[in-house]
Amino acid sequence: GEIVSVEIPTSNGRNLTFGDVIVRVSDSYALAMHID
């Protein structure tokens, strides 16, 4: 439930940090971030 940010490395000159990223913890998951 924690809200964090994730920095995306520079790619094509469009460095971006995503805010408001919710952390969902469960042992049925695999570590990954999902964006659209």
ModelCIF file with pLDDT and N, C-alpha, C, O atoms, coordinates in Angstrom:
data_MODEL
#
_entry.id   MODEL 
#
_entity.id                         1 
_entity.type                       polymer 
_entity.pdbx_number_of_molecules   1 
#
_entity_poly.entity_id                      1 
_entity_poly.type                           'polypeptide(L)' 
_entity_poly.nstd_linkage                   no 
_entity_poly.nstd_monomer                   no 
_entity_poly.pdbx_seq_one_letter_code       GEIVSVEIPTSNGRNLTFGDVIVRVSDSYALAMHID 
_entity_poly.pdbx_seq_one_letter_code_can   GEIVSVEIPTSNGRNLTFGDVIVRVSDSYALAMHID 
_entity_poly.pdbx_strand_id                 A 
#
loop_
_entity_poly_seq.entity_id 
_entity_poly_seq.num 
_entity_poly_seq.mon_id 
_entity_poly_seq.hetero 
1 1  GLY n 
1 2  GLU n 
1 3  ILE n 
1 4  VAL n 
1 5  SER n 
1 6  VAL n 
1 7  GLU n 
1 8  ILE n 
1 9  PRO n 
1 10 THR n 
1 11 SER n 
1 12 ASN n 
1 13 GLY n 
1 14 ARG n 
1 15 ASN n 
1 16 LEU n 
1 17 THR n 
1 18 PHE n 
1 19 GLY n 
1 20 ASP n 
1 21 VAL n 
1 22 ILE n 
1 23 VAL n 
1 24 ARG n 
1 25 VAL n 
1 26 SER n 
1 27 ASP n 
1 28 SER n 
1 29 TYR n 
1 30 ALA n 
1 31 LEU n 
1 32 ALA n 
1 33 MET n 
1 34 HIS n 
1 35 ILE n 
1 36 ASP n 
#
_struct_asym.id          A 
_struct_asym.entity_id   1 
#
loop_
_ma_qa_metric.id 
_ma_qa_metric.mode 
_ma_qa_metric.name 
_ma_qa_metric.software_group_id 
_ma_qa_metric.type 
1 global pLDDT . pLDDT 
2 local  pLDDT . pLDDT 
#
_ma_qa_metric_global.metric_id      1 
_ma_qa_metric_global.metric_value   93.33 
_ma_qa_metric_global.model_id       1 
_ma_qa_metric_global.ordinal_id     1 
#
loop_
_ma_qa_metric_local.label_asym_id 
_ma_qa_metric_local.label_comp_id 
_ma_qa_metric_local.label_seq_id 
_ma_qa_metric_local.metric_id 
_ma_qa_metric_local.metric_value 
_ma_qa_metric_local.model_id 
_ma_qa_metric_local.ordinal_id 
A GLY 1  2 97.00 1 1  
A GLU 2  2 98.00 1 2  
A ILE 3  2 98.00 1 3  
A VAL 4  2 98.00 1 4  
A SER 5  2 98.00 1 5  
A VAL 6  2 97.00 1 6  
A GLU 7  2 95.00 1 7  
A ILE 8  2 93.00 1 8  
A PRO 9  2 88.00 1 9  
A THR 10 2 73.00 1 10 
A SER 11 2 67.00 1 11 
A ASN 12 2 73.00 1 12 
A GLY 13 2 78.00 1 13 
A ARG 14 2 82.00 1 14 
A ASN 15 2 86.00 1 15 
A LEU 16 2 93.00 1 16 
A THR 17 2 96.00 1 17 
A PHE 18 2 97.00 1 18 
A GLY 19 2 97.00 1 19 
A ASP 20 2 97.00 1 20 
A VAL 21 2 98.00 1 21 
A ILE 22 2 98.00 1 22 
A VAL 23 2 98.00 1 23 
A ARG 24 2 98.00 1 24 
A VAL 25 2 98.00 1 25 
A SER 26 2 97.00 1 26 
A ASP 27 2 97.00 1 27 
A SER 28 2 96.00 1 28 
A TYR 29 2 97.00 1 29 
A ALA 30 2 97.00 1 30 
A LEU 31 2 97.00 1 31 
A ALA 32 2 98.00 1 32 
A MET 33 2 98.00 1 33 
A HIS 34 2 98.00 1 34 
A ILE 35 2 97.00 1 35 
A ASP 36 2 97.00 1 36 
#
loop_
_atom_site.group_PDB 
_atom_site.id 
_atom_site.type_symbol 
_atom_site.label_atom_id 
_atom_site.label_alt_id 
_atom_site.label_comp_id 
_atom_site.label_asym_id 
_atom_site.label_entity_id 
_atom_site.label_seq_id 
_atom_site.pdbx_PDB_ins_code 
_atom_site.Cartn_x 
_atom_site.Cartn_y 
_atom_site.Cartn_z 
_atom_site.occupancy 
_atom_site.B_iso_or_equiv 
_atom_site.pdbx_formal_charge 
_atom_site.auth_seq_id 
_atom_site.auth_comp_id 
_atom_site.auth_asym_id 
_atom_site.auth_atom_id 
_atom_site.pdbx_PDB_model_num 
ATOM 1   N N  . GLY A 1 1  ? 0.786  -1.220  0.000   1.00 97.00 ? 1  GLY A N  1 
ATOM 2   C CA . GLY A 1 1  ? 0.000  0.000   0.000   1.00 97.00 ? 1  GLY A CA 1 
ATOM 3   C C  . GLY A 1 1  ? 0.824  1.279   0.000   1.00 97.00 ? 1  GLY A C  1 
ATOM 4   O O  . GLY A 1 1  ? 0.278  2.372   -0.149  1.00 97.00 ? 1  GLY A O  1 
ATOM 5   N N  . GLU A 1 2  ? 2.132  1.149   0.166   1.00 98.00 ? 2  GLU A N  1 
ATOM 6   C CA . GLU A 1 2  ? 3.013  2.323   0.163   1.00 98.00 ? 2  GLU A CA 1 
ATOM 7   C C  . GLU A 1 2  ? 3.018  2.960   -1.230  1.00 98.00 ? 2  GLU A C  1 
ATOM 8   O O  . GLU A 1 2  ? 2.928  2.264   -2.242  1.00 98.00 ? 2  GLU A O  1 
ATOM 9   N N  . ILE A 1 3  ? 3.123  4.281   -1.265  1.00 98.00 ? 3  ILE A N  1 
ATOM 10  C CA . ILE A 1 3  ? 3.211  5.005   -2.530  1.00 98.00 ? 3  ILE A CA 1 
ATOM 11  C C  . ILE A 1 3  ? 4.662  5.456   -2.714  1.00 98.00 ? 3  ILE A C  1 
ATOM 12  O O  . ILE A 1 3  ? 5.237  6.107   -1.841  1.00 98.00 ? 3  ILE A O  1 
ATOM 13  N N  . VAL A 1 4  ? 5.242  5.103   -3.858  1.00 98.00 ? 4  VAL A N  1 
ATOM 14  C CA . VAL A 1 4  ? 6.639  5.436   -4.156  1.00 98.00 ? 4  VAL A CA 1 
ATOM 15  C C  . VAL A 1 4  ? 6.720  6.094   -5.537  1.00 98.00 ? 4  VAL A C  1 
ATOM 16  O O  . VAL A 1 4  ? 5.710  6.260   -6.221  1.00 98.00 ? 4  VAL A O  1 
ATOM 17  N N  . SER A 1 5  ? 7.920  6.456   -5.921  1.00 98.00 ? 5  SER A N  1 
ATOM 18  C CA . SER A 1 5  ? 8.189  6.938   -7.281  1.00 98.00 ? 5  SER A CA 1 
ATOM 19  C C  . SER A 1 5  ? 9.165  5.969   -7.931  1.00 98.00 ? 5  SER A C  1 
ATOM 20  O O  . SER A 1 5  ? 9.919  5.279   -7.245  1.00 98.00 ? 5  SER A O  1 
ATOM 21  N N  . VAL A 1 6  ? 9.146  5.923   -9.254  1.00 97.00 ? 6  VAL A N  1 
ATOM 22  C CA . VAL A 1 6  ? 10.078 5.075   -9.997  1.00 97.00 ? 6  VAL A CA 1 
ATOM 23  C C  . VAL A 1 6  ? 10.678 5.902   -11.121 1.00 97.00 ? 6  VAL A C  1 
ATOM 24  O O  . VAL A 1 6  ? 9.973  6.442   -11.973 1.00 97.00 ? 6  VAL A O  1 
ATOM 25  N N  . GLU A 1 7  ? 11.999 5.982   -11.096 1.00 95.00 ? 7  GLU A N  1 
ATOM 26  C CA . GLU A 1 7  ? 12.727 6.742   -12.110 1.00 95.00 ? 7  GLU A CA 1 
ATOM 27  C C  . GLU A 1 7  ? 13.039 5.840   -13.294 1.00 95.00 ? 7  GLU A C  1 
ATOM 28  O O  . GLU A 1 7  ? 13.594 4.752   -13.147 1.00 95.00 ? 7  GLU A O  1 
ATOM 29  N N  . ILE A 1 8  ? 12.668 6.322   -14.463 1.00 93.00 ? 8  ILE A N  1 
ATOM 30  C CA . ILE A 1 8  ? 12.942 5.597   -15.705 1.00 93.00 ? 8  ILE A CA 1 
ATOM 31  C C  . ILE A 1 8  ? 14.193 6.217   -16.308 1.00 93.00 ? 8  ILE A C  1 
ATOM 32  O O  . ILE A 1 8  ? 14.255 7.437   -16.457 1.00 93.00 ? 8  ILE A O  1 
ATOM 33  N N  . PRO A 1 9  ? 15.194 5.411   -16.661 1.00 88.00 ? 9  PRO A N  1 
ATOM 34  C CA . PRO A 1 9  ? 16.437 5.980   -17.193 1.00 88.00 ? 9  PRO A CA 1 
ATOM 35  C C  . PRO A 1 9  ? 16.194 6.700   -18.521 1.00 88.00 ? 9  PRO A C  1 
ATOM 36  O O  . PRO A 1 9  ? 15.222 6.431   -19.227 1.00 88.00 ? 9  PRO A O  1 
ATOM 37  N N  . THR A 1 10 ? 17.090 7.608   -18.834 1.00 73.00 ? 10 THR A N  1 
ATOM 38  C CA . THR A 1 10 ? 16.980 8.362   -20.080 1.00 73.00 ? 10 THR A CA 1 
ATOM 39  C C  . THR A 1 10 ? 16.889 7.404   -21.265 1.00 73.00 ? 10 THR A C  1 
ATOM 40  O O  . THR A 1 10 ? 17.716 6.508   -21.436 1.00 73.00 ? 10 THR A O  1 
ATOM 41  N N  . SER A 1 11 ? 15.870 7.622   -22.064 1.00 67.00 ? 11 SER A N  1 
ATOM 42  C CA . SER A 1 11 ? 15.647 6.811   -23.254 1.00 67.00 ? 11 SER A CA 1 
ATOM 43  C C  . SER A 1 11 ? 15.058 7.738   -24.304 1.00 67.00 ? 11 SER A C  1 
ATOM 44  O O  . SER A 1 11 ? 13.985 8.305   -24.095 1.00 67.00 ? 11 SER A O  1 
ATOM 45  N N  . ASN A 1 12 ? 15.724 7.897   -25.400 1.00 73.00 ? 12 ASN A N  1 
ATOM 46  C CA . ASN A 1 12 ? 15.232 8.796   -26.455 1.00 73.00 ? 12 ASN A CA 1 
ATOM 47  C C  . ASN A 1 12 ? 15.057 10.220  -25.956 1.00 73.00 ? 12 ASN A C  1 
ATOM 48  O O  . ASN A 1 12 ? 14.204 10.952  -26.459 1.00 73.00 ? 12 ASN A O  1 
ATOM 49  N N  . GLY A 1 13 ? 15.863 10.627  -24.960 1.00 78.00 ? 13 GLY A N  1 
ATOM 50  C CA . GLY A 1 13 ? 15.783 11.992  -24.459 1.00 78.00 ? 13 GLY A CA 1 
ATOM 51  C C  . GLY A 1 13 ? 14.540 12.300  -23.660 1.00 78.00 ? 13 GLY A C  1 
ATOM 52  O O  . GLY A 1 13 ? 14.153 13.464  -23.558 1.00 78.00 ? 13 GLY A O  1 
ATOM 53  N N  . ARG A 1 14 ? 13.894 11.281  -23.082 1.00 82.00 ? 14 ARG A N  1 
ATOM 54  C CA . ARG A 1 14 ? 12.643 11.502  -22.361 1.00 82.00 ? 14 ARG A CA 1 
ATOM 55  C C  . ARG A 1 14 ? 12.702 10.962  -20.940 1.00 82.00 ? 14 ARG A C  1 
ATOM 56  O O  . ARG A 1 14 ? 11.801 10.236  -20.520 1.00 82.00 ? 14 ARG A O  1 
ATOM 57  N N  . ASN A 1 15 ? 13.746 11.305  -20.193 1.00 86.00 ? 15 ASN A N  1 
ATOM 58  C CA . ASN A 1 15 ? 13.861 10.863  -18.812 1.00 86.00 ? 15 ASN A CA 1 
ATOM 59  C C  . ASN A 1 15 ? 12.588 11.229  -18.047 1.00 86.00 ? 15 ASN A C  1 
ATOM 60  O O  . ASN A 1 15 ? 12.075 12.339  -18.192 1.00 86.00 ? 15 ASN A O  1 
ATOM 61  N N  . LEU A 1 16 ? 12.079 10.306  -17.236 1.00 93.00 ? 16 LEU A N  1 
ATOM 62  C CA . LEU A 1 16 ? 10.815 10.536  -16.546 1.00 93.00 ? 16 LEU A CA 1 
ATOM 63  C C  . LEU A 1 16 ? 10.825 9.808   -15.214 1.00 93.00 ? 16 LEU A C  1 
ATOM 64  O O  . LEU A 1 16 ? 11.340 8.694   -15.116 1.00 93.00 ? 16 LEU A O  1 
ATOM 65  N N  . THR A 1 17 ? 10.257 10.433  -14.185 1.00 96.00 ? 17 THR A N  1 
ATOM 66  C CA . THR A 1 17 ? 10.037 9.762   -12.905 1.00 96.00 ? 17 THR A CA 1 
ATOM 67  C C  . THR A 1 17 ? 8.540  9.660   -12.681 1.00 96.00 ? 17 THR A C  1 
ATOM 68  O O  . THR A 1 17 ? 7.834  10.668  -12.644 1.00 96.00 ? 17 THR A O  1 
ATOM 69  N N  . PHE A 1 18 ? 8.062  8.431   -12.530 1.00 97.00 ? 18 PHE A N  1 
ATOM 70  C CA . PHE A 1 18 ? 6.645  8.205   -12.254 1.00 97.00 ? 18 PHE A CA 1 
ATOM 71  C C  . PHE A 1 18 ? 6.403  8.318   -10.762 1.00 97.00 ? 18 PHE A C  1 
ATOM 72  O O  . PHE A 1 18 ? 7.035  7.616   -9.974  1.00 97.00 ? 18 PHE A O  1 
ATOM 73  N N  . GLY A 1 19 ? 5.487  9.202   -10.367 1.00 97.00 ? 19 GLY A N  1 
ATOM 74  C CA . GLY A 1 19 ? 5.052  9.289   -8.980  1.00 97.00 ? 19 GLY A CA 1 
ATOM 75  C C  . GLY A 1 19 ? 3.783  8.484   -8.798  1.00 97.00 ? 19 GLY A C  1 
ATOM 76  O O  . GLY A 1 19 ? 3.272  7.896   -9.752  1.00 97.00 ? 19 GLY A O  1 
ATOM 77  N N  . ASP A 1 20 ? 3.275  8.455   -7.583  1.00 97.00 ? 20 ASP A N  1 
ATOM 78  C CA . ASP A 1 20 ? 2.009  7.783   -7.272  1.00 97.00 ? 20 ASP A CA 1 
ATOM 79  C C  . ASP A 1 20 ? 1.993  6.319   -7.702  1.00 97.00 ? 20 ASP A C  1 
ATOM 80  O O  . ASP A 1 20 ? 0.992  5.832   -8.227  1.00 97.00 ? 20 ASP A O  1 
ATOM 81  N N  . VAL A 1 21 ? 3.101  5.621   -7.478  1.00 98.00 ? 21 VAL A N  1 
ATOM 82  C CA . VAL A 1 21 ? 3.185  4.197   -7.804  1.00 98.00 ? 21 VAL A CA 1 
ATOM 83  C C  . VAL A 1 21 ? 2.842  3.424   -6.532  1.00 98.00 ? 21 VAL A C  1 
ATOM 84  O O  . VAL A 1 21 ? 3.529  3.559   -5.520  1.00 98.00 ? 21 VAL A O  1 
ATOM 85  N N  . ILE A 1 22 ? 1.796  2.626   -6.578  1.00 98.00 ? 22 ILE A N  1 
ATOM 86  C CA . ILE A 1 22 ? 1.392  1.875   -5.394  1.00 98.00 ? 22 ILE A CA 1 
ATOM 87  C C  . ILE A 1 22 ? 2.125  0.544   -5.339  1.00 98.00 ? 22 ILE A C  1 
ATOM 88  O O  . ILE A 1 22 ? 2.285  -0.128  -6.357  1.00 98.00 ? 22 ILE A O  1 
ATOM 89  N N  . VAL A 1 23 ? 2.565  0.171   -4.152  1.00 98.00 ? 23 VAL A N  1 
ATOM 90  C CA . VAL A 1 23 ? 3.247  -1.104  -3.943  1.00 98.00 ? 23 VAL A CA 1 
ATOM 91  C C  . VAL A 1 23 ? 2.216  -2.130  -3.499  1.00 98.00 ? 23 VAL A C  1 
ATOM 92  O O  . VAL A 1 23 ? 1.468  -1.900  -2.548  1.00 98.00 ? 23 VAL A O  1 
ATOM 93  N N  . ARG A 1 24 ? 2.180  -3.257  -4.191  1.00 98.00 ? 24 ARG A N  1 
ATOM 94  C CA . ARG A 1 24 ? 1.275  -4.348  -3.849  1.00 98.00 ? 24 ARG A CA 1 
ATOM 95  C C  . ARG A 1 24 ? 2.128  -5.567  -3.500  1.00 98.00 ? 24 ARG A C  1 
ATOM 96  O O  . ARG A 1 24 ? 2.886  -6.067  -4.332  1.00 98.00 ? 24 ARG A O  1 
ATOM 97  N N  . VAL A 1 25 ? 1.993  -6.033  -2.270  1.00 98.00 ? 25 VAL A N  1 
ATOM 98  C CA . VAL A 1 25 ? 2.831  -7.121  -1.774  1.00 98.00 ? 25 VAL A CA 1 
ATOM 99  C C  . VAL A 1 25 ? 2.005  -8.381  -1.578  1.00 98.00 ? 25 VAL A C  1 
ATOM 100 O O  . VAL A 1 25 ? 0.982  -8.367  -0.894  1.00 98.00 ? 25 VAL A O  1 
ATOM 101 N N  . SER A 1 26 ? 2.461  -9.471  -2.187  1.00 97.00 ? 26 SER A N  1 
ATOM 102 C CA . SER A 1 26 ? 1.848  -10.785 -2.015  1.00 97.00 ? 26 SER A CA 1 
ATOM 103 C C  . SER A 1 26 ? 2.854  -11.838 -2.464  1.00 97.00 ? 26 SER A C  1 
ATOM 104 O O  . SER A 1 26 ? 3.599  -11.629 -3.421  1.00 97.00 ? 26 SER A O  1 
ATOM 105 N N  . ASP A 1 27 ? 2.871  -12.953 -1.777  1.00 97.00 ? 27 ASP A N  1 
ATOM 106 C CA . ASP A 1 27 ? 3.784  -14.016 -2.181  1.00 97.00 ? 27 ASP A CA 1 
ATOM 107 C C  . ASP A 1 27 ? 3.316  -14.737 -3.445  1.00 97.00 ? 27 ASP A C  1 
ATOM 108 O O  . ASP A 1 27 ? 3.994  -15.642 -3.930  1.00 97.00 ? 27 ASP A O  1 
ATOM 109 N N  . SER A 1 28 ? 2.156  -14.337 -3.978  1.00 96.00 ? 28 SER A N  1 
ATOM 110 C CA . SER A 1 28 ? 1.711  -14.900 -5.257  1.00 96.00 ? 28 SER A CA 1 
ATOM 111 C C  . SER A 1 28 ? 2.171  -14.039 -6.437  1.00 96.00 ? 28 SER A C  1 
ATOM 112 O O  . SER A 1 28 ? 1.840  -14.342 -7.584  1.00 96.00 ? 28 SER A O  1 
ATOM 113 N N  . TYR A 1 29 ? 2.934  -12.967 -6.170  1.00 97.00 ? 29 TYR A N  1 
ATOM 114 C CA . TYR A 1 29 ? 3.432  -12.085 -7.214  1.00 97.00 ? 29 TYR A CA 1 
ATOM 115 C C  . TYR A 1 29 ? 4.871  -12.407 -7.593  1.00 97.00 ? 29 TYR A C  1 
ATOM 116 O O  . TYR A 1 29 ? 5.563  -13.169 -6.917  1.00 97.00 ? 29 TYR A O  1 
ATOM 117 N N  . ALA A 1 30 ? 5.297  -11.800 -8.697  1.00 97.00 ? 30 ALA A N  1 
ATOM 118 C CA . ALA A 1 30 ? 6.707  -11.745 -9.103  1.00 97.00 ? 30 ALA A CA 1 
ATOM 119 C C  . ALA A 1 30 ? 7.052  -10.264 -9.208  1.00 97.00 ? 30 ALA A C  1 
ATOM 120 O O  . ALA A 1 30 ? 6.208  -9.463  -9.611  1.00 97.00 ? 30 ALA A O  1 
ATOM 121 N N  . LEU A 1 31 ? 8.272  -9.889  -8.855  1.00 97.00 ? 31 LEU A N  1 
ATOM 122 C CA . LEU A 1 31 ? 8.668  -8.484  -8.816  1.00 97.00 ? 31 LEU A CA 1 
ATOM 123 C C  . LEU A 1 31 ? 8.622  -7.855  -10.214 1.00 97.00 ? 31 LEU A C  1 
ATOM 124 O O  . LEU A 1 31 ? 9.339  -8.280  -11.120 1.00 97.00 ? 31 LEU A O  1 
ATOM 125 N N  . ALA A 1 32 ? 7.770  -6.841  -10.373 1.00 98.00 ? 32 ALA A N  1 
ATOM 126 C CA . ALA A 1 32 ? 7.656  -6.089  -11.620 1.00 98.00 ? 32 ALA A CA 1 
ATOM 127 C C  . ALA A 1 32 ? 6.768  -4.878  -11.393 1.00 98.00 ? 32 ALA A C  1 
ATOM 128 O O  . ALA A 1 32 ? 5.867  -4.896  -10.555 1.00 98.00 ? 32 ALA A O  1 
ATOM 129 N N  . MET A 1 33 ? 7.039  -3.824  -12.157 1.00 98.00 ? 33 MET A N  1 
ATOM 130 C CA . MET A 1 33 ? 6.170  -2.650  -12.170 1.00 98.00 ? 33 MET A CA 1 
ATOM 131 C C  . MET A 1 33 ? 5.344  -2.704  -13.443 1.00 98.00 ? 33 MET A C  1 
ATOM 132 O O  . MET A 1 33 ? 5.846  -3.105  -14.493 1.00 98.00 ? 33 MET A O  1 
ATOM 133 N N  . HIS A 1 34 ? 4.082  -2.303  -13.359 1.00 98.00 ? 34 HIS A N  1 
ATOM 134 C CA . HIS A 1 34 ? 3.216  -2.278  -14.528 1.00 98.00 ? 34 HIS A CA 1 
ATOM 135 C C  . HIS A 1 34 ? 2.735  -0.862  -14.805 1.00 98.00 ? 34 HIS A C  1 
ATOM 136 O O  . HIS A 1 34 ? 2.230  -0.176  -13.917 1.00 98.00 ? 34 HIS A O  1 
ATOM 137 N N  . ILE A 1 35 ? 2.902  -0.434  -16.061 1.00 97.00 ? 35 ILE A N  1 
ATOM 138 C CA . ILE A 1 35 ? 2.392  0.849   -16.536 1.00 97.00 ? 35 ILE A CA 1 
ATOM 139 C C  . ILE A 1 35 ? 1.662  0.599   -17.852 1.00 97.00 ? 35 ILE A C  1 
ATOM 140 O O  . ILE A 1 35 ? 1.850  -0.440  -18.484 1.00 97.00 ? 35 ILE A O  1 
ATOM 141 N N  . ASP A 1 36 ? 0.825  1.558   -18.262 1.00 97.00 ? 36 ASP A N  1 
ATOM 142 C CA . ASP A 1 36 ? 0.103  1.356   -19.520 1.00 97.00 ? 36 ASP A CA 1 
ATOM 143 C C  . ASP A 1 36 ? 0.875  1.981   -20.692 1.00 97.00 ? 36 ASP A C  1 
ATOM 144 O O  . ASP A 1 36 ? 0.424  1.913   -21.835 1.00 97.00 ? 36 ASP A O  1 
#
